[in-house]
């Protein structure tokens, strides 16, 4: 199978560009999958680690009903409570 190195580089750049959500600043699932090993090394064996991943279902419906600005405000509020 042949790969175009420019396409691969473009795709990797795209993924890195979107590691942080532009609205909330939260890290993406892709970022976690790429960096979880080094994240785990920061914790000693005596420490525990919790990971929370969420996918908001029906946010599009919420946006259509209440407006996109309210949807953005909801996401910001949601993330601020988790951070």
N, C-alpha and C. Protein backbone atom coordinates (compact mmCIF):
# COMPACT_ATOMS: atom_id res chain seq x y z
N UNK A 1 0.84 -1.17 0.00
CA UNK A 1 0.00 0.00 0.00
C UNK A 1 0.89 1.24 0.00
N UNK A 2 0.64 2.17 -0.90
CA UNK A 2 1.44 3.39 -0.98
C UNK A 2 0.76 4.52 -0.20
N UNK A 3 1.59 5.32 0.45
CA UNK A 3 1.09 6.49 1.17
C UNK A 3 1.75 7.73 0.59
N UNK A 4 0.98 8.76 0.48
CA UNK A 4 1.50 10.05 0.08
C UNK A 4 1.94 10.76 1.37
N UNK A 5 3.24 10.99 1.53
CA UNK A 5 3.77 11.57 2.76
C UNK A 5 3.17 12.94 3.05
N UNK A 6 2.84 13.69 2.02
CA UNK A 6 2.24 15.01 2.23
C UNK A 6 0.84 14.88 2.81
N UNK A 7 0.10 13.88 2.36
CA UNK A 7 -1.24 13.65 2.90
C UNK A 7 -1.17 13.21 4.36
N UNK A 8 -0.23 12.35 4.67
CA UNK A 8 -0.06 11.90 6.05
C UNK A 8 0.31 13.08 6.95
N UNK A 9 1.24 13.91 6.50
CA UNK A 9 1.65 15.07 7.29
C UNK A 9 0.49 16.05 7.48
N UNK A 10 -0.29 16.25 6.43
CA UNK A 10 -1.45 17.15 6.53
C UNK A 10 -2.45 16.61 7.54
N UNK A 11 -2.69 15.31 7.51
CA UNK A 11 -3.63 14.69 8.44
C UNK A 11 -3.13 14.81 9.88
N UNK A 12 -1.86 14.57 10.12
CA UNK A 12 -1.30 14.70 11.47
C UNK A 12 -1.39 16.14 11.95
N UNK A 13 -1.13 17.10 11.07
CA UNK A 13 -1.26 18.51 11.43
C UNK A 13 -2.70 18.86 11.79
N UNK A 14 -3.63 18.32 11.02
CA UNK A 14 -5.05 18.55 11.29
C UNK A 14 -5.42 18.02 12.68
N UNK A 15 -4.98 16.81 13.01
CA UNK A 15 -5.31 16.24 14.30
C UNK A 15 -4.72 17.07 15.44
N UNK A 16 -3.49 17.51 15.29
CA UNK A 16 -2.85 18.32 16.33
C UNK A 16 -3.53 19.67 16.48
N UNK A 17 -3.97 20.23 15.37
CA UNK A 17 -4.64 21.53 15.41
C UNK A 17 -5.90 21.47 16.27
N UNK A 18 -6.59 20.33 16.23
CA UNK A 18 -7.83 20.20 16.96
C UNK A 18 -7.69 19.38 18.24
N UNK A 19 -6.48 19.32 18.82
CA UNK A 19 -6.31 18.66 20.10
C UNK A 19 -7.07 19.38 21.21
N UNK A 20 -7.15 20.69 21.11
CA UNK A 20 -7.90 21.49 22.09
C UNK A 20 -9.19 21.96 21.45
N UNK A 21 -10.30 21.77 22.15
CA UNK A 21 -11.57 22.29 21.68
C UNK A 21 -11.48 23.82 21.67
N UNK A 22 -11.83 24.43 20.58
CA UNK A 22 -11.67 25.88 20.44
C UNK A 22 -12.60 26.66 21.35
N UNK A 23 -13.72 26.08 21.73
CA UNK A 23 -14.68 26.78 22.60
C UNK A 23 -14.33 26.63 24.07
N UNK A 24 -14.04 25.41 24.51
CA UNK A 24 -13.83 25.15 25.93
C UNK A 24 -12.37 25.00 26.33
N UNK A 25 -11.51 24.65 25.37
CA UNK A 25 -10.11 24.39 25.70
C UNK A 25 -9.87 22.97 26.16
N UNK A 26 -10.92 22.14 26.20
CA UNK A 26 -10.79 20.74 26.63
C UNK A 26 -9.98 19.96 25.61
N UNK A 27 -9.25 18.98 26.10
CA UNK A 27 -8.48 18.12 25.22
C UNK A 27 -9.40 17.12 24.52
N UNK A 28 -9.04 16.73 23.32
CA UNK A 28 -9.83 15.79 22.54
C UNK A 28 -9.52 14.36 22.96
N UNK A 29 -10.39 13.45 22.57
CA UNK A 29 -10.13 12.03 22.80
C UNK A 29 -8.88 11.60 22.05
N UNK A 30 -8.66 12.14 20.87
CA UNK A 30 -7.45 11.83 20.10
C UNK A 30 -6.21 12.22 20.90
N UNK A 31 -6.21 13.39 21.52
CA UNK A 31 -5.07 13.84 22.32
C UNK A 31 -4.81 12.84 23.45
N UNK A 32 -5.87 12.43 24.12
CA UNK A 32 -5.70 11.48 25.22
C UNK A 32 -5.09 10.17 24.73
N UNK A 33 -5.59 9.67 23.61
CA UNK A 33 -5.10 8.40 23.09
C UNK A 33 -3.62 8.49 22.72
N UNK A 34 -3.17 9.66 22.29
CA UNK A 34 -1.77 9.83 21.91
C UNK A 34 -0.86 10.04 23.12
N UNK A 35 -1.40 10.57 24.23
CA UNK A 35 -0.55 10.98 25.35
C UNK A 35 -0.86 10.29 26.68
N UNK A 36 -1.71 9.27 26.67
CA UNK A 36 -2.11 8.68 27.94
C UNK A 36 -0.95 8.04 28.69
N UNK A 37 -0.01 7.45 27.97
CA UNK A 37 1.10 6.79 28.66
C UNK A 37 1.94 7.78 29.45
N UNK A 38 2.27 8.91 28.83
CA UNK A 38 3.07 9.89 29.56
C UNK A 38 2.25 10.54 30.67
N UNK A 39 0.94 10.63 30.50
CA UNK A 39 0.08 11.15 31.57
C UNK A 39 0.09 10.21 32.77
N UNK A 40 0.03 8.91 32.51
CA UNK A 40 0.02 7.93 33.60
C UNK A 40 1.34 7.93 34.36
N UNK A 41 2.44 8.20 33.67
CA UNK A 41 3.74 8.21 34.32
C UNK A 41 3.87 9.33 35.34
N UNK A 42 3.05 10.38 35.20
CA UNK A 42 3.10 11.50 36.14
C UNK A 42 2.54 11.12 37.51
N UNK A 43 1.77 10.04 37.56
CA UNK A 43 1.17 9.61 38.82
C UNK A 43 1.97 8.45 39.38
N UNK A 44 2.22 8.51 40.67
CA UNK A 44 2.91 7.41 41.33
C UNK A 44 1.96 6.25 41.56
N UNK A 45 2.51 5.11 41.97
CA UNK A 45 1.68 3.94 42.20
C UNK A 45 0.72 4.13 43.37
N UNK A 46 1.05 5.04 44.27
CA UNK A 46 0.18 5.26 45.42
C UNK A 46 -0.96 6.24 45.11
N UNK A 47 -0.93 6.86 43.94
CA UNK A 47 -1.98 7.80 43.57
C UNK A 47 -2.99 7.14 42.64
N UNK A 48 -4.20 7.63 42.70
CA UNK A 48 -5.22 7.10 41.79
C UNK A 48 -5.52 8.15 40.73
N UNK A 49 -6.01 7.69 39.62
CA UNK A 49 -6.29 8.56 38.48
C UNK A 49 -7.69 8.27 37.98
N UNK A 50 -8.47 9.31 37.78
CA UNK A 50 -9.80 9.17 37.19
C UNK A 50 -9.82 9.89 35.85
N UNK A 51 -10.43 9.26 34.90
CA UNK A 51 -10.55 9.84 33.56
C UNK A 51 -12.03 9.93 33.24
N UNK A 52 -12.45 11.10 32.81
CA UNK A 52 -13.84 11.32 32.47
C UNK A 52 -13.92 11.71 31.01
N UNK A 53 -14.68 10.95 30.24
CA UNK A 53 -14.89 11.26 28.83
C UNK A 53 -16.39 11.31 28.60
N UNK A 54 -16.82 12.34 27.92
CA UNK A 54 -18.26 12.49 27.71
C UNK A 54 -18.53 12.89 26.27
N UNK A 55 -19.61 12.39 25.76
CA UNK A 55 -20.09 12.79 24.45
C UNK A 55 -21.52 13.27 24.65
N UNK A 56 -21.75 14.52 24.34
CA UNK A 56 -23.08 15.08 24.54
C UNK A 56 -23.99 14.72 23.38
N UNK A 57 -24.96 13.89 23.67
CA UNK A 57 -25.91 13.44 22.67
C UNK A 57 -27.00 14.51 22.52
N UNK A 58 -27.42 14.73 21.32
CA UNK A 58 -28.51 15.65 21.01
C UNK A 58 -28.18 17.12 21.26
N UNK A 59 -26.91 17.48 21.28
CA UNK A 59 -26.57 18.89 21.42
C UNK A 59 -27.08 19.68 20.22
N UNK A 60 -27.07 19.07 19.07
CA UNK A 60 -27.58 19.74 17.87
C UNK A 60 -29.05 20.12 18.06
N UNK A 61 -29.85 19.21 18.63
CA UNK A 61 -31.26 19.51 18.91
C UNK A 61 -31.39 20.67 19.89
N UNK A 62 -30.54 20.68 20.91
CA UNK A 62 -30.54 21.77 21.89
C UNK A 62 -30.24 23.10 21.19
N UNK A 63 -29.25 23.08 20.30
CA UNK A 63 -28.89 24.30 19.57
C UNK A 63 -30.05 24.79 18.71
N UNK A 64 -30.73 23.87 18.04
CA UNK A 64 -31.85 24.26 17.18
C UNK A 64 -33.01 24.84 18.00
N UNK A 65 -33.22 24.30 19.18
CA UNK A 65 -34.32 24.75 20.03
C UNK A 65 -34.00 26.06 20.75
N UNK A 66 -32.79 26.17 21.28
CA UNK A 66 -32.43 27.29 22.15
C UNK A 66 -31.46 28.29 21.52
N UNK A 67 -30.90 27.95 20.38
CA UNK A 67 -29.94 28.83 19.73
C UNK A 67 -28.52 28.38 19.98
N UNK A 68 -27.65 28.67 19.03
CA UNK A 68 -26.26 28.21 19.11
C UNK A 68 -25.49 28.91 20.22
N UNK A 69 -25.83 30.15 20.53
CA UNK A 69 -25.14 30.84 21.62
C UNK A 69 -25.44 30.16 22.95
N UNK A 70 -26.69 29.76 23.16
CA UNK A 70 -27.03 29.02 24.38
C UNK A 70 -26.32 27.67 24.42
N UNK A 71 -26.20 27.02 23.26
CA UNK A 71 -25.47 25.76 23.20
C UNK A 71 -24.01 25.95 23.57
N UNK A 72 -23.40 27.02 23.08
CA UNK A 72 -22.01 27.33 23.43
C UNK A 72 -21.88 27.62 24.92
N UNK A 73 -22.83 28.37 25.46
CA UNK A 73 -22.80 28.67 26.90
C UNK A 73 -22.94 27.40 27.73
N UNK A 74 -23.79 26.48 27.27
CA UNK A 74 -23.95 25.20 27.96
C UNK A 74 -22.64 24.42 27.97
N UNK A 75 -21.96 24.36 26.83
CA UNK A 75 -20.69 23.64 26.76
C UNK A 75 -19.65 24.27 27.69
N UNK A 76 -19.58 25.60 27.70
CA UNK A 76 -18.62 26.28 28.58
C UNK A 76 -18.92 25.98 30.04
N UNK A 77 -20.20 26.03 30.41
CA UNK A 77 -20.59 25.74 31.79
C UNK A 77 -20.27 24.29 32.15
N UNK A 78 -20.60 23.39 31.27
CA UNK A 78 -20.33 21.97 31.47
C UNK A 78 -18.85 21.72 31.70
N UNK A 79 -18.02 22.29 30.82
CA UNK A 79 -16.57 22.07 30.96
C UNK A 79 -16.02 22.74 32.21
N UNK A 80 -16.51 23.93 32.55
CA UNK A 80 -15.98 24.63 33.73
C UNK A 80 -16.25 23.83 35.01
N UNK A 81 -17.33 23.06 35.03
CA UNK A 81 -17.64 22.24 36.20
C UNK A 81 -16.73 21.02 36.28
N UNK A 82 -16.23 20.58 35.12
CA UNK A 82 -15.36 19.39 35.10
C UNK A 82 -13.91 19.74 35.37
N UNK A 83 -13.50 20.91 34.94
CA UNK A 83 -12.08 21.29 35.01
C UNK A 83 -11.64 21.62 36.42
